[in-house]
Each structure stands twice: as structure tokens, then as C-alpha cells.
Amino acid sequence: MTTIYLIRHAEAEGNLYRRIHGWYDALVTENGLRQIQALEQRFQGEHFDAVWSSDLYRTCATASAIYRPKGLELHRRRDLREICVGVWEQKTWGEIARTDPVQMENFSHHLDRWHVEGAETPEQVRDRVLAAVRQIAAENDGKTVAVFSHGCAIRILLATLQGYSIAQLG
């Protein structure tokens, strides 16, 4: 059996400035840097065999809390990325609430109904992240690994692993 620690990235610019960052490669904030230091302290006494991260900066920077002090390699995977939000990318949550309130409601409460031009479907996110985590688990049988990803992607993954459908995520 593989032990997986599933960890969301530290605070990034999009979180601070209330901008929507799916695949946008945002920087970590000053508060995010403090969170990374706290994460390093939290896992100081834990053993890890490997560390995986989405290929976006905010997750790779957060993963440094574990892979650097333990002298491990960071394995980057594009399939651990956040949901691609299409034309919403880099817009503020306030702007979306004003210009696309129906889809904003769907994103927050009815993810199975959410769709935005150029965006991934929640099912696509589920399929790619679940496949990635299953592959990581299979390749690291009996080991302990850290997997760094993003809020919506993790939410979809955890719901799936617990037997919930996309419709039940709201």
C-alpha cells in the first residue's frame, strides 16, 4: 500500500488578489512563503520516499517544503494541474459574479452544470488527476509520497475517491 499526502499549494497571487487562476502560472505571496516554512516544520519528522507536483510554479514552490530538506527529487506532472478555466482565466471573481452569475453559481454549487468557453469539464479533471494519482500510487507501492496539486482538482479527486459524483460536489 502507498501512503499519499495530498497537499494544496500555498497562497498564490490569485488567492490574494481574488483572481481566477486555473493554469495561469502565478507566484506565491509573502504569506504563501510563510505557509511553506510552516509546512516544512510540520513535516520535518516525517519520512517521504518521493515528491510529486503539478508543473505550475505555486505547487512546485510549495513542494520545496518537503523535497529540499529531505534531499529528494521533485517530479513534475502536468496532469496534476488545476482545472483549466478557459475564458475565466485571470479575471476577478467579482467580475465573473457580475458578468456570468449563472456559471459562477454552477461553479460554486453545481459543478456538473458548469461550463465555460475553453475550459475543461470537471469530468476531464477527475479523469486526468485520478489517473495520475493511481499511477503514482502503483509506481510507489509500499512507499510514502507527497502529491502537491490545487484546490478544485483535489476537491474533485477526494470526492471521487469517496464515491461521490460530480453532481454531488455542490
N, C-alpha and C. Protein backbone atom coordinates (compact mmCIF):
# COMPACT_ATOMS: atom_id res chain seq x y z
N MET A 1 0.83 -1.18 0.00
CA MET A 1 0.00 0.00 0.00
C MET A 1 0.88 1.25 0.00
N THR A 2 0.49 2.23 -0.76
CA THR A 2 1.19 3.51 -0.83
C THR A 2 0.50 4.50 0.09
N THR A 3 1.27 5.24 0.85
CA THR A 3 0.73 6.34 1.66
C THR A 3 0.93 7.62 0.88
N ILE A 4 -0.17 8.34 0.64
CA ILE A 4 -0.10 9.59 -0.13
C ILE A 4 -0.57 10.75 0.73
N TYR A 5 0.28 11.75 0.84
CA TYR A 5 -0.11 13.02 1.44
C TYR A 5 -0.50 13.93 0.28
N LEU A 6 -1.75 14.33 0.22
CA LEU A 6 -2.27 15.18 -0.84
C LEU A 6 -2.32 16.60 -0.30
N ILE A 7 -1.54 17.52 -0.91
CA ILE A 7 -1.34 18.84 -0.33
C ILE A 7 -1.63 19.92 -1.38
N ARG A 8 -2.44 20.90 -0.97
CA ARG A 8 -2.73 22.05 -1.83
C ARG A 8 -1.59 23.06 -1.72
N HIS A 9 -1.38 23.79 -2.80
CA HIS A 9 -0.30 24.79 -2.80
C HIS A 9 -0.57 25.91 -1.80
N ALA A 10 0.49 26.61 -1.45
CA ALA A 10 0.42 27.77 -0.55
C ALA A 10 -0.30 28.92 -1.26
N GLU A 11 -0.60 29.96 -0.48
CA GLU A 11 -1.29 31.12 -1.04
C GLU A 11 -0.51 31.69 -2.22
N ALA A 12 -1.22 31.89 -3.33
CA ALA A 12 -0.63 32.46 -4.54
C ALA A 12 -1.31 33.79 -4.85
N GLU A 13 -0.78 34.49 -5.84
CA GLU A 13 -1.30 35.81 -6.20
C GLU A 13 -2.80 35.81 -6.47
N GLY A 14 -3.28 34.79 -7.14
CA GLY A 14 -4.71 34.72 -7.45
C GLY A 14 -5.56 34.68 -6.19
N ASN A 15 -5.09 33.97 -5.18
CA ASN A 15 -5.81 33.92 -3.90
C ASN A 15 -5.85 35.29 -3.25
N LEU A 16 -4.72 35.96 -3.24
CA LEU A 16 -4.61 37.26 -2.59
C LEU A 16 -5.43 38.33 -3.32
N TYR A 17 -5.32 38.35 -4.65
CA TYR A 17 -5.97 39.40 -5.43
C TYR A 17 -7.33 38.99 -5.97
N ARG A 18 -7.82 37.81 -5.51
CA ARG A 18 -9.14 37.31 -5.89
C ARG A 18 -9.29 37.18 -7.41
N ARG A 19 -8.22 36.69 -8.05
CA ARG A 19 -8.21 36.40 -9.48
C ARG A 19 -8.33 34.91 -9.69
N ILE A 20 -8.94 34.53 -10.78
CA ILE A 20 -9.13 33.13 -11.09
C ILE A 20 -7.89 32.61 -11.80
N HIS A 21 -7.21 31.69 -11.16
CA HIS A 21 -6.02 31.09 -11.72
C HIS A 21 -6.21 29.59 -11.81
N GLY A 22 -6.48 29.14 -13.00
CA GLY A 22 -6.51 27.71 -13.27
C GLY A 22 -5.10 27.30 -13.68
N TRP A 23 -4.81 27.48 -14.96
CA TRP A 23 -3.49 27.11 -15.48
C TRP A 23 -2.52 28.29 -15.52
N TYR A 24 -2.96 29.47 -15.08
CA TYR A 24 -2.06 30.62 -15.03
C TYR A 24 -0.95 30.32 -14.02
N ASP A 25 0.28 30.64 -14.37
CA ASP A 25 1.42 30.28 -13.55
C ASP A 25 1.75 31.40 -12.56
N ALA A 26 0.96 31.51 -11.50
CA ALA A 26 1.07 32.59 -10.52
C ALA A 26 2.22 32.37 -9.54
N LEU A 27 2.67 33.46 -8.99
CA LEU A 27 3.70 33.42 -7.95
C LEU A 27 3.07 33.18 -6.58
N VAL A 28 3.88 32.77 -5.64
CA VAL A 28 3.46 32.60 -4.26
C VAL A 28 3.60 33.95 -3.57
N THR A 29 2.67 34.28 -2.67
CA THR A 29 2.71 35.54 -1.93
C THR A 29 3.65 35.45 -0.73
N GLU A 30 3.84 36.58 -0.06
CA GLU A 30 4.64 36.59 1.17
C GLU A 30 4.01 35.66 2.21
N ASN A 31 2.70 35.71 2.33
CA ASN A 31 2.01 34.81 3.25
C ASN A 31 2.20 33.36 2.81
N GLY A 32 2.18 33.12 1.51
CA GLY A 32 2.43 31.78 0.98
C GLY A 32 3.81 31.27 1.36
N LEU A 33 4.80 32.16 1.33
CA LEU A 33 6.16 31.77 1.74
C LEU A 33 6.20 31.36 3.21
N ARG A 34 5.43 32.07 4.05
CA ARG A 34 5.34 31.69 5.46
C ARG A 34 4.64 30.33 5.60
N GLN A 35 3.63 30.10 4.77
CA GLN A 35 2.94 28.81 4.80
C GLN A 35 3.88 27.67 4.41
N ILE A 36 4.73 27.92 3.44
CA ILE A 36 5.71 26.91 3.01
C ILE A 36 6.67 26.60 4.15
N GLN A 37 7.13 27.63 4.86
CA GLN A 37 8.01 27.41 6.01
C GLN A 37 7.29 26.60 7.09
N ALA A 38 6.03 26.90 7.33
CA ALA A 38 5.25 26.15 8.33
C ALA A 38 5.07 24.70 7.89
N LEU A 39 4.86 24.49 6.60
CA LEU A 39 4.71 23.14 6.08
C LEU A 39 6.01 22.35 6.25
N GLU A 40 7.13 23.01 6.03
CA GLU A 40 8.43 22.35 6.24
C GLU A 40 8.56 21.91 7.70
N GLN A 41 8.18 22.78 8.62
CA GLN A 41 8.23 22.43 10.04
C GLN A 41 7.27 21.28 10.35
N ARG A 42 6.08 21.33 9.79
CA ARG A 42 5.06 20.30 10.04
C ARG A 42 5.56 18.91 9.64
N PHE A 43 6.26 18.81 8.52
CA PHE A 43 6.69 17.52 8.01
C PHE A 43 8.16 17.19 8.30
N GLN A 44 8.76 17.97 9.17
CA GLN A 44 10.19 17.79 9.49
C GLN A 44 10.52 16.36 9.93
N GLY A 45 9.69 15.77 10.75
CA GLY A 45 9.97 14.45 11.27
C GLY A 45 9.35 13.31 10.48
N GLU A 46 8.69 13.62 9.38
CA GLU A 46 8.02 12.60 8.56
C GLU A 46 8.97 12.07 7.48
N HIS A 47 8.84 10.80 7.19
CA HIS A 47 9.63 10.19 6.12
C HIS A 47 8.85 10.24 4.80
N PHE A 48 9.53 10.62 3.73
CA PHE A 48 8.96 10.59 2.38
C PHE A 48 9.95 9.91 1.45
N ASP A 49 9.41 9.14 0.52
CA ASP A 49 10.23 8.48 -0.49
C ASP A 49 10.26 9.26 -1.80
N ALA A 50 9.21 10.05 -2.05
CA ALA A 50 9.14 10.78 -3.32
C ALA A 50 8.17 11.95 -3.18
N VAL A 51 8.37 12.95 -4.03
CA VAL A 51 7.50 14.13 -4.03
C VAL A 51 7.09 14.42 -5.47
N TRP A 52 5.78 14.57 -5.66
CA TRP A 52 5.20 14.87 -6.97
C TRP A 52 4.46 16.19 -6.88
N SER A 53 4.42 16.92 -7.99
CA SER A 53 3.75 18.22 -8.02
C SER A 53 3.22 18.49 -9.42
N SER A 54 2.16 19.29 -9.47
CA SER A 54 1.78 19.83 -10.78
C SER A 54 2.97 20.65 -11.26
N ASP A 55 3.01 20.94 -12.53
CA ASP A 55 4.15 21.66 -13.09
C ASP A 55 4.05 23.17 -12.93
N LEU A 56 3.01 23.67 -12.28
CA LEU A 56 2.86 25.11 -12.09
C LEU A 56 3.70 25.58 -10.90
N TYR A 57 4.20 26.80 -11.00
CA TYR A 57 5.14 27.33 -10.01
C TYR A 57 4.61 27.25 -8.58
N ARG A 58 3.34 27.62 -8.36
CA ARG A 58 2.83 27.69 -7.00
C ARG A 58 2.87 26.33 -6.29
N THR A 59 2.68 25.25 -7.04
CA THR A 59 2.77 23.93 -6.41
C THR A 59 4.22 23.49 -6.26
N CYS A 60 5.03 23.76 -7.25
CA CYS A 60 6.46 23.39 -7.15
C CYS A 60 7.13 24.13 -5.99
N ALA A 61 6.81 25.41 -5.84
CA ALA A 61 7.38 26.19 -4.73
C ALA A 61 6.92 25.63 -3.39
N THR A 62 5.66 25.24 -3.30
CA THR A 62 5.15 24.67 -2.05
C THR A 62 5.80 23.32 -1.77
N ALA A 63 5.99 22.53 -2.81
CA ALA A 63 6.61 21.21 -2.66
C ALA A 63 8.04 21.31 -2.13
N SER A 64 8.68 22.46 -2.30
CA SER A 64 10.05 22.63 -1.81
C SER A 64 10.12 22.45 -0.30
N ALA A 65 9.01 22.60 0.40
CA ALA A 65 8.97 22.40 1.85
C ALA A 65 9.31 20.97 2.23
N ILE A 66 9.10 20.05 1.31
CA ILE A 66 9.38 18.64 1.61
C ILE A 66 10.58 18.13 0.83
N TYR A 67 10.63 18.38 -0.48
CA TYR A 67 11.70 17.73 -1.26
C TYR A 67 13.09 18.30 -0.96
N ARG A 68 13.21 19.59 -0.74
CA ARG A 68 14.54 20.16 -0.49
C ARG A 68 15.16 19.70 0.82
N PRO A 69 14.47 19.84 1.96
CA PRO A 69 15.10 19.43 3.22
C PRO A 69 15.39 17.92 3.28
N LYS A 70 14.66 17.15 2.51
CA LYS A 70 14.85 15.70 2.55
C LYS A 70 15.75 15.20 1.42
N GLY A 71 16.25 16.13 0.60
CA GLY A 71 17.17 15.76 -0.47
C GLY A 71 16.53 14.90 -1.56
N LEU A 72 15.26 15.11 -1.81
CA LEU A 72 14.54 14.33 -2.82
C LEU A 72 14.41 15.10 -4.13
N GLU A 73 14.20 14.39 -5.19
CA GLU A 73 13.93 14.98 -6.49
C GLU A 73 12.46 15.40 -6.54
N LEU A 74 12.17 16.49 -7.23
CA LEU A 74 10.78 16.89 -7.45
C LEU A 74 10.34 16.36 -8.81
N HIS A 75 9.29 15.56 -8.80
CA HIS A 75 8.71 15.03 -10.04
C HIS A 75 7.53 15.91 -10.42
N ARG A 76 7.60 16.55 -11.59
CA ARG A 76 6.54 17.45 -12.06
C ARG A 76 5.63 16.72 -13.04
N ARG A 77 4.33 16.93 -12.86
CA ARG A 77 3.34 16.31 -13.76
C ARG A 77 2.29 17.34 -14.15
N ARG A 78 2.12 17.52 -15.42
CA ARG A 78 1.11 18.43 -15.95
C ARG A 78 -0.30 17.96 -15.58
N ASP A 79 -0.48 16.64 -15.45
CA ASP A 79 -1.82 16.12 -15.18
C ASP A 79 -2.27 16.30 -13.73
N LEU A 80 -1.44 16.91 -12.89
CA LEU A 80 -1.84 17.27 -11.54
C LEU A 80 -2.28 18.73 -11.44
N ARG A 81 -2.38 19.41 -12.58
CA ARG A 81 -2.76 20.82 -12.60
C ARG A 81 -4.19 21.05 -12.13
N GLU A 82 -4.46 22.33 -11.85
CA GLU A 82 -5.80 22.79 -11.52
C GLU A 82 -6.70 22.67 -12.74
N ILE A 83 -7.99 22.81 -12.53
CA ILE A 83 -8.93 22.81 -13.64
C ILE A 83 -8.62 24.00 -14.56
N CYS A 84 -8.65 23.76 -15.85
CA CYS A 84 -8.48 24.84 -16.83
C CYS A 84 -9.80 25.60 -16.89
N VAL A 85 -9.76 26.89 -16.64
CA VAL A 85 -10.99 27.68 -16.56
C VAL A 85 -11.28 28.49 -17.82
N GLY A 86 -10.56 28.24 -18.89
CA GLY A 86 -10.87 28.87 -20.18
C GLY A 86 -10.86 30.38 -20.13
N VAL A 87 -11.94 30.99 -20.64
CA VAL A 87 -12.01 32.45 -20.74
C VAL A 87 -12.10 33.14 -19.38
N TRP A 88 -12.31 32.41 -18.33
CA TRP A 88 -12.32 33.00 -16.98
C TRP A 88 -10.91 33.29 -16.48
N GLU A 89 -9.91 32.69 -17.08
CA GLU A 89 -8.53 32.82 -16.60
C GLU A 89 -8.14 34.28 -16.41
N GLN A 90 -7.60 34.60 -15.23
CA GLN A 90 -7.08 35.91 -14.86
C GLN A 90 -8.15 36.96 -14.60
N LYS A 91 -9.42 36.60 -14.72
CA LYS A 91 -10.49 37.55 -14.37
C LYS A 91 -10.68 37.50 -12.86
N THR A 92 -11.28 38.55 -12.33
CA THR A 92 -11.55 38.53 -10.89
C THR A 92 -12.86 37.79 -10.63
N TRP A 93 -12.96 37.25 -9.41
CA TRP A 93 -14.20 36.58 -9.03
C TRP A 93 -15.36 37.57 -9.06
N GLY A 94 -15.11 38.82 -8.70
CA GLY A 94 -16.16 39.85 -8.74
C GLY A 94 -16.66 40.10 -10.15
N GLU A 95 -15.74 40.16 -11.10
CA GLU A 95 -16.12 40.36 -12.50
C GLU A 95 -16.99 39.21 -12.99
N ILE A 96 -16.61 37.99 -12.66
CA ILE A 96 -17.40 36.83 -13.08
C ILE A 96 -18.77 36.85 -12.43
N ALA A 97 -18.83 37.23 -11.16
CA ALA A 97 -20.13 37.31 -10.47
C ALA A 97 -21.05 38.31 -11.15
N ARG A 98 -20.49 39.38 -11.70
CA ARG A 98 -21.31 40.39 -12.39
C ARG A 98 -21.67 39.98 -13.81
N THR A 99 -20.72 39.38 -14.53
CA THR A 99 -20.94 39.11 -15.96
C THR A 99 -21.44 37.71 -16.28
N ASP A 100 -21.25 36.78 -15.38
CA ASP A 100 -21.65 35.39 -15.65
C ASP A 100 -22.16 34.73 -14.36
N PRO A 101 -23.21 35.33 -13.75
CA PRO A 101 -23.65 34.85 -12.44
C PRO A 101 -24.17 33.40 -12.45
N VAL A 102 -24.75 32.96 -13.55
CA VAL A 102 -25.27 31.60 -13.61
C VAL A 102 -24.12 30.59 -13.54
N GLN A 103 -23.07 30.83 -14.35
CA GLN A 103 -21.94 29.90 -14.32
C GLN A 103 -21.15 30.02 -13.02
N MET A 104 -21.14 31.20 -12.44
CA MET A 104 -20.49 31.37 -11.13
C MET A 104 -21.22 30.52 -10.09
N GLU A 105 -22.54 30.55 -10.10
CA GLU A 105 -23.34 29.72 -9.20
C GLU A 105 -23.08 28.24 -9.46
N ASN A 106 -23.01 27.88 -10.74
CA ASN A 106 -22.75 26.49 -11.09
C ASN A 106 -21.37 26.05 -10.59
N PHE A 107 -20.36 26.89 -10.78
CA PHE A 107 -19.01 26.55 -10.34
C PHE A 107 -18.98 26.32 -8.82
N SER A 108 -19.70 27.15 -8.10
CA SER A 108 -19.68 27.08 -6.64
C SER A 108 -20.57 25.99 -6.07
N HIS A 109 -21.69 25.69 -6.75
CA HIS A 109 -22.69 24.81 -6.13
C HIS A 109 -23.19 23.66 -7.01
N HIS A 110 -22.96 23.74 -8.31
CA HIS A 110 -23.46 22.71 -9.23
C HIS A 110 -22.39 22.43 -10.29
N LEU A 111 -21.27 21.91 -9.86
CA LEU A 111 -20.12 21.76 -10.74
C LEU A 111 -20.44 20.93 -11.98
N ASP A 112 -21.40 20.01 -11.86
CA ASP A 112 -21.79 19.19 -13.01
C ASP A 112 -22.45 20.01 -14.11
N ARG A 113 -22.94 21.20 -13.79
CA ARG A 113 -23.59 22.08 -14.78
C ARG A 113 -22.65 23.16 -15.31
N TRP A 114 -21.46 23.27 -14.70
CA TRP A 114 -20.54 24.36 -15.05
C TRP A 114 -19.86 24.09 -16.38
N HIS A 115 -19.87 25.09 -17.23
CA HIS A 115 -19.08 25.03 -18.45
C HIS A 115 -18.82 26.45 -18.94
N VAL A 116 -17.57 26.70 -19.26
CA VAL A 116 -17.12 28.00 -19.74
C VAL A 116 -16.30 27.75 -21.00
N GLU A 117 -16.41 28.64 -21.94
CA GLU A 117 -15.68 28.51 -23.20
C GLU A 117 -14.19 28.28 -22.94
N GLY A 118 -13.65 27.25 -23.57
CA GLY A 118 -12.23 26.94 -23.47
C GLY A 118 -11.83 26.21 -22.21
N ALA A 119 -12.78 25.93 -21.32
CA ALA A 119 -12.46 25.28 -20.05
C ALA A 119 -12.56 23.76 -20.17
N GLU A 120 -11.89 23.10 -19.23
CA GLU A 120 -12.06 21.66 -19.09
C GLU A 120 -13.39 21.39 -18.40
N THR A 121 -13.91 20.21 -18.60
CA THR A 121 -15.06 19.80 -17.81
C THR A 121 -14.54 19.22 -16.50
N PRO A 122 -15.37 19.24 -15.47
CA PRO A 122 -14.96 18.60 -14.22
C PRO A 122 -14.65 17.12 -14.41
N GLU A 123 -15.34 16.47 -15.33
CA GLU A 123 -15.08 15.06 -15.60
C GLU A 123 -13.68 14.86 -16.19
N GLN A 124 -13.25 15.79 -17.04
CA GLN A 124 -11.89 15.70 -17.59
C GLN A 124 -10.85 15.86 -16.49
N VAL A 125 -11.10 16.77 -15.57
CA VAL A 125 -10.18 16.97 -14.44
C VAL A 125 -10.16 15.70 -13.60
N ARG A 126 -11.32 15.17 -13.28
CA ARG A 126 -11.41 13.93 -12.50
C ARG A 126 -10.59 12.82 -13.14
N ASP A 127 -10.79 12.63 -14.43
CA ASP A 127 -10.13 11.53 -15.12
C ASP A 127 -8.61 11.69 -15.15
N ARG A 128 -8.12 12.90 -15.41
CA ARG A 128 -6.67 13.06 -15.51
C ARG A 128 -5.99 13.02 -14.16
N VAL A 129 -6.60 13.64 -13.13
CA VAL A 129 -5.97 13.66 -11.81
C VAL A 129 -6.05 12.27 -11.16
N LEU A 130 -7.18 11.61 -11.30
CA LEU A 130 -7.31 10.26 -10.75
C LEU A 130 -6.31 9.30 -11.40
N ALA A 131 -6.16 9.39 -12.71
CA ALA A 131 -5.19 8.53 -13.42
C ALA A 131 -3.77 8.82 -12.94
N ALA A 132 -3.45 10.10 -12.75
CA ALA A 132 -2.10 10.46 -12.29
C ALA A 132 -1.83 9.90 -10.90
N VAL A 133 -2.77 10.08 -9.98
CA VAL A 133 -2.57 9.62 -8.61
C VAL A 133 -2.53 8.09 -8.56
N ARG A 134 -3.35 7.44 -9.35
CA ARG A 134 -3.29 5.97 -9.39
C ARG A 134 -1.94 5.48 -9.91
N GLN A 135 -1.41 6.16 -10.92
CA GLN A 135 -0.11 5.77 -11.46
C GLN A 135 0.99 6.01 -10.42
N ILE A 136 0.95 7.15 -9.76
CA ILE A 136 1.93 7.45 -8.71
C ILE A 136 1.86 6.39 -7.62
N ALA A 137 0.66 6.03 -7.20
CA ALA A 137 0.49 5.01 -6.15
C ALA A 137 1.05 3.67 -6.61
N ALA A 138 0.74 3.28 -7.84
CA ALA A 138 1.20 1.97 -8.35
C ALA A 138 2.72 1.92 -8.47
N GLU A 139 3.34 3.02 -8.87
CA GLU A 139 4.79 3.06 -9.05
C GLU A 139 5.55 3.22 -7.74
N ASN A 140 4.82 3.49 -6.65
CA ASN A 140 5.46 3.71 -5.35
C ASN A 140 4.86 2.80 -4.28
N ASP A 141 4.55 1.58 -4.66
CA ASP A 141 3.93 0.64 -3.74
C ASP A 141 4.78 0.46 -2.48
N GLY A 142 4.12 0.61 -1.35
CA GLY A 142 4.80 0.44 -0.07
C GLY A 142 5.58 1.67 0.38
N LYS A 143 5.51 2.74 -0.38
CA LYS A 143 6.27 3.95 -0.06
C LYS A 143 5.34 5.06 0.43
N THR A 144 5.94 6.14 0.89
CA THR A 144 5.21 7.33 1.31
C THR A 144 5.58 8.47 0.37
N VAL A 145 4.57 9.07 -0.24
CA VAL A 145 4.81 10.14 -1.21
C VAL A 145 3.95 11.36 -0.87
N ALA A 146 4.44 12.51 -1.27
CA ALA A 146 3.69 13.76 -1.19
C ALA A 146 3.27 14.13 -2.60
N VAL A 147 2.01 14.51 -2.75
CA VAL A 147 1.48 14.94 -4.05
C VAL A 147 0.90 16.34 -3.86
N PHE A 148 1.46 17.30 -4.59
CA PHE A 148 1.03 18.70 -4.50
C PHE A 148 0.18 19.06 -5.71
N SER A 149 -1.01 19.60 -5.42
CA SER A 149 -1.92 19.96 -6.51
C SER A 149 -2.68 21.22 -6.11
N HIS A 150 -3.92 21.33 -6.57
CA HIS A 150 -4.70 22.57 -6.48
C HIS A 150 -6.08 22.29 -5.90
N GLY A 151 -6.71 23.35 -5.39
CA GLY A 151 -7.97 23.24 -4.67
C GLY A 151 -9.09 22.49 -5.37
N CYS A 152 -9.47 22.93 -6.55
CA CYS A 152 -10.58 22.30 -7.25
C CYS A 152 -10.21 20.88 -7.68
N ALA A 153 -9.00 20.69 -8.16
CA ALA A 153 -8.55 19.37 -8.59
C ALA A 153 -8.56 18.39 -7.42
N ILE A 154 -8.10 18.84 -6.25
CA ILE A 154 -8.10 17.98 -5.06
C ILE A 154 -9.52 17.69 -4.61
N ARG A 155 -10.38 18.71 -4.65
CA ARG A 155 -11.77 18.53 -4.24
C ARG A 155 -12.45 17.46 -5.10
N ILE A 156 -12.24 17.54 -6.41
CA ILE A 156 -12.83 16.55 -7.32
C ILE A 156 -12.25 15.17 -7.06
N LEU A 157 -10.94 15.09 -6.87
CA LEU A 157 -10.29 13.80 -6.60
C LEU A 157 -10.81 13.17 -5.31
N LEU A 158 -10.83 13.93 -4.23
CA LEU A 158 -11.28 13.38 -2.95
C LEU A 158 -12.74 12.93 -3.00
N ALA A 159 -13.57 13.71 -3.67
CA ALA A 159 -14.98 13.31 -3.81
C ALA A 159 -15.09 12.00 -4.57
N THR A 160 -14.34 11.88 -5.64
CA THR A 160 -14.35 10.66 -6.45
C THR A 160 -13.89 9.46 -5.63
N LEU A 161 -12.81 9.62 -4.89
CA LEU A 161 -12.29 8.52 -4.07
C LEU A 161 -13.26 8.11 -2.97
N GLN A 162 -14.12 9.03 -2.56
CA GLN A 162 -15.11 8.72 -1.54
C GLN A 162 -16.44 8.27 -2.13
N GLY A 163 -16.48 8.13 -3.46
CA GLY A 163 -17.67 7.61 -4.12
C GLY A 163 -18.72 8.62 -4.50
N TYR A 164 -18.38 9.91 -4.43
CA TYR A 164 -19.32 10.96 -4.81
C TYR A 164 -19.21 11.26 -6.30
N SER A 165 -20.32 11.60 -6.91
CA SER A 165 -20.32 12.02 -8.30
C SER A 165 -20.02 13.52 -8.38
N ILE A 166 -19.74 13.99 -9.58
CA ILE A 166 -19.52 15.42 -9.80
C ILE A 166 -20.77 16.21 -9.38
N ALA A 167 -21.94 15.66 -9.64
CA ALA A 167 -23.20 16.32 -9.28
C ALA A 167 -23.34 16.50 -7.77
N GLN A 168 -22.72 15.63 -6.99
CA GLN A 168 -22.84 15.69 -5.53
C GLN A 168 -21.81 16.62 -4.89
N LEU A 169 -20.94 17.21 -5.66
CA LEU A 169 -19.87 18.06 -5.10
C LEU A 169 -20.38 19.36 -4.51
N GLY A 170 -21.50 19.87 -4.98
CA GLY A 170 -22.00 21.16 -4.53
C GLY A 170 -22.23 21.23 -3.04
